[in-house]
């Protein structure tokens, strides 16, 4: 798999390195009031919260540019 400056592929999708680091730090400092079982799965609320908020999405139809929806950083991915 190709290495990039701002994103990595964890096997599930492309993840923003910066946000992943920041979210991992804040999760370790969290209150721990609910287990992951209680916050994921079938969402009973109207706005479900995903485990990985740093999951990137494609910014163009050609799927060459990744964008982090959380921080807005983009990077051109040249797969070939």
C-alpha atoms as a PDB file:
ATOM      1  CA  UNK A   1       0.000   0.000   0.000  1.00  0.00           C
ATOM      2  CA  UNK A   2       1.242   3.458  -0.858  1.00  0.00           C
ATOM      3  CA  UNK A   3       2.330   5.671   2.023  1.00  0.00           C
ATOM      4  CA  UNK A   4       1.116   9.261   2.147  1.00  0.00           C
ATOM      5  CA  UNK A   5       1.919  12.275   4.279  1.00  0.00           C
ATOM      6  CA  UNK A   6      -1.533  12.901   5.734  1.00  0.00           C
ATOM      7  CA  UNK A   7      -3.485   9.634   5.375  1.00  0.00           C
ATOM      8  CA  UNK A   8      -3.020   5.921   6.027  1.00  0.00           C
ATOM      9  CA  UNK A   9      -5.122   2.919   5.082  1.00  0.00           C
ATOM     10  CA  UNK A  10      -6.069   0.777   8.058  1.00  0.00           C
ATOM     11  CA  UNK A  11      -7.729  -1.938   5.964  1.00  0.00           C
ATOM     12  CA  UNK A  12     -11.158  -0.416   6.488  1.00  0.00           C
ATOM     13  CA  UNK A  13     -10.538   2.876   4.715  1.00  0.00           C
ATOM     14  CA  UNK A  14      -8.262   5.887   4.534  1.00  0.00           C
ATOM     15  CA  UNK A  15      -7.784   7.685   7.849  1.00  0.00           C
ATOM     16  CA  UNK A  16      -6.412  11.184   8.512  1.00  0.00           C
ATOM     17  CA  UNK A  17      -3.179  10.841  10.505  1.00  0.00           C
ATOM     18  CA  UNK A  18      -3.579  14.173  12.296  1.00  0.00           C
ATOM     19  CA  UNK A  19      -7.174  13.668  13.434  1.00  0.00           C
ATOM     20  CA  UNK A  20      -6.553  10.028  14.339  1.00  0.00           C
ATOM     21  CA  UNK A  21      -3.695  11.076  16.622  1.00  0.00           C
ATOM     22  CA  UNK A  22      -5.802  13.822  18.195  1.00  0.00           C
ATOM     23  CA  UNK A  23      -8.877  11.614  18.653  1.00  0.00           C
ATOM     24  CA  UNK A  24      -6.785   8.782  20.115  1.00  0.00           C
ATOM     25  CA  UNK A  25      -5.346  11.188  22.667  1.00  0.00           C
ATOM     26  CA  UNK A  26      -8.769  12.531  23.658  1.00  0.00           C
ATOM     27  CA  UNK A  27     -10.278   9.022  23.835  1.00  0.00           C
ATOM     28  CA  UNK A  28      -7.636   7.921  26.305  1.00  0.00           C
ATOM     29  CA  UNK A  29      -8.484  10.944  28.435  1.00  0.00           C
ATOM     30  CA  UNK A  30     -12.255  10.412  28.091  1.00  0.00           C
ATOM     31  CA  UNK A  31     -14.669   9.847  30.928  1.00  0.00           C
ATOM     32  CA  UNK A  32     -15.314   6.201  30.004  1.00  0.00           C
ATOM     33  CA  UNK A  33     -18.939   6.453  31.088  1.00  0.00           C
ATOM     34  CA  UNK A  34     -20.191   4.215  28.252  1.00  0.00           C
ATOM     35  CA  UNK A  35     -18.608   1.248  26.562  1.00  0.00           C
ATOM     36  CA  UNK A  36     -18.214   1.133  22.795  1.00  0.00           C
ATOM     37  CA  UNK A  37     -21.136  -1.324  22.712  1.00  0.00           C
ATOM     38  CA  UNK A  38     -23.439   1.404  24.006  1.00  0.00           C
ATOM     39  CA  UNK A  39     -22.297   4.075  21.547  1.00  0.00           C
ATOM     40  CA  UNK A  40     -22.201   2.069  18.296  1.00  0.00           C
ATOM     41  CA  UNK A  41     -24.384  -0.361  16.424  1.00  0.00           C
ATOM     42  CA  UNK A  42     -27.980   0.484  15.728  1.00  0.00           C
ATOM     43  CA  UNK A  43     -28.241   4.143  16.528  1.00  0.00           C
ATOM     44  CA  UNK A  44     -31.315   5.091  18.459  1.00  0.00           C
ATOM     45  CA  UNK A  45     -30.575   8.769  18.126  1.00  0.00           C
ATOM     46  CA  UNK A  46     -30.959  10.764  14.943  1.00  0.00           C
ATOM     47  CA  UNK A  47     -27.247  11.651  14.806  1.00  0.00           C
ATOM     48  CA  UNK A  48     -25.133   8.526  15.269  1.00  0.00           C
ATOM     49  CA  UNK A  49     -21.495   9.027  16.266  1.00  0.00           C
ATOM     50  CA  UNK A  50     -18.992   6.852  14.428  1.00  0.00           C
ATOM     51  CA  UNK A  51     -16.011   5.266  16.148  1.00  0.00           C
ATOM     52  CA  UNK A  52     -13.568   6.733  13.664  1.00  0.00           C
ATOM     53  CA  UNK A  53     -14.432  10.340  12.924  1.00  0.00           C
ATOM     54  CA  UNK A  54     -11.148  10.697  11.020  1.00  0.00           C
ATOM     55  CA  UNK A  55     -12.246   8.402   8.167  1.00  0.00           C
ATOM     56  CA  UNK A  56     -11.472  10.213   4.916  1.00  0.00           C
ATOM     57  CA  UNK A  57     -13.686  10.486   1.852  1.00  0.00           C
ATOM     58  CA  UNK A  58     -12.961  11.037  -1.809  1.00  0.00           C
ATOM     59  CA  UNK A  59     -13.031  14.692  -2.825  1.00  0.00           C
ATOM     60  CA  UNK A  60     -13.366  14.053  -6.574  1.00  0.00           C
ATOM     61  CA  UNK A  61     -15.251  11.604  -8.808  1.00  0.00           C
ATOM     62  CA  UNK A  62     -11.976  10.172 -10.169  1.00  0.00           C
ATOM     63  CA  UNK A  63     -11.031   9.082  -6.611  1.00  0.00           C
ATOM     64  CA  UNK A  64      -7.575  10.633  -6.722  1.00  0.00           C
ATOM     65  CA  UNK A  65      -7.907  13.182  -3.901  1.00  0.00           C
ATOM     66  CA  UNK A  66      -8.689  12.289  -0.292  1.00  0.00           C
ATOM     67  CA  UNK A  67     -10.287  14.738   2.119  1.00  0.00           C
ATOM     68  CA  UNK A  68     -10.743  14.548   5.867  1.00  0.00           C
ATOM     69  CA  UNK A  69     -14.288  15.720   6.716  1.00  0.00           C
ATOM     70  CA  UNK A  70     -13.177  16.642  10.239  1.00  0.00           C
ATOM     71  CA  UNK A  71     -10.223  18.970   9.560  1.00  0.00           C
ATOM     72  CA  UNK A  72     -10.586  19.552   5.804  1.00  0.00           C
ATOM     73  CA  UNK A  73      -7.044  18.532   4.838  1.00  0.00           C
ATOM     74  CA  UNK A  74      -6.696  17.113   1.309  1.00  0.00           C
ATOM     75  CA  UNK A  75      -4.017  15.094  -0.454  1.00  0.00           C
ATOM     76  CA  UNK A  76      -3.601  13.809  -4.000  1.00  0.00           C
ATOM     77  CA  UNK A  77      -3.276  10.022  -3.986  1.00  0.00           C
ATOM     78  CA  UNK A  78      -1.508   8.580  -7.017  1.00  0.00           C
ATOM     79  CA  UNK A  79      -2.249   4.860  -6.743  1.00  0.00           C
ATOM     80  CA  UNK A  80      -0.472   3.840  -9.949  1.00  0.00           C
END
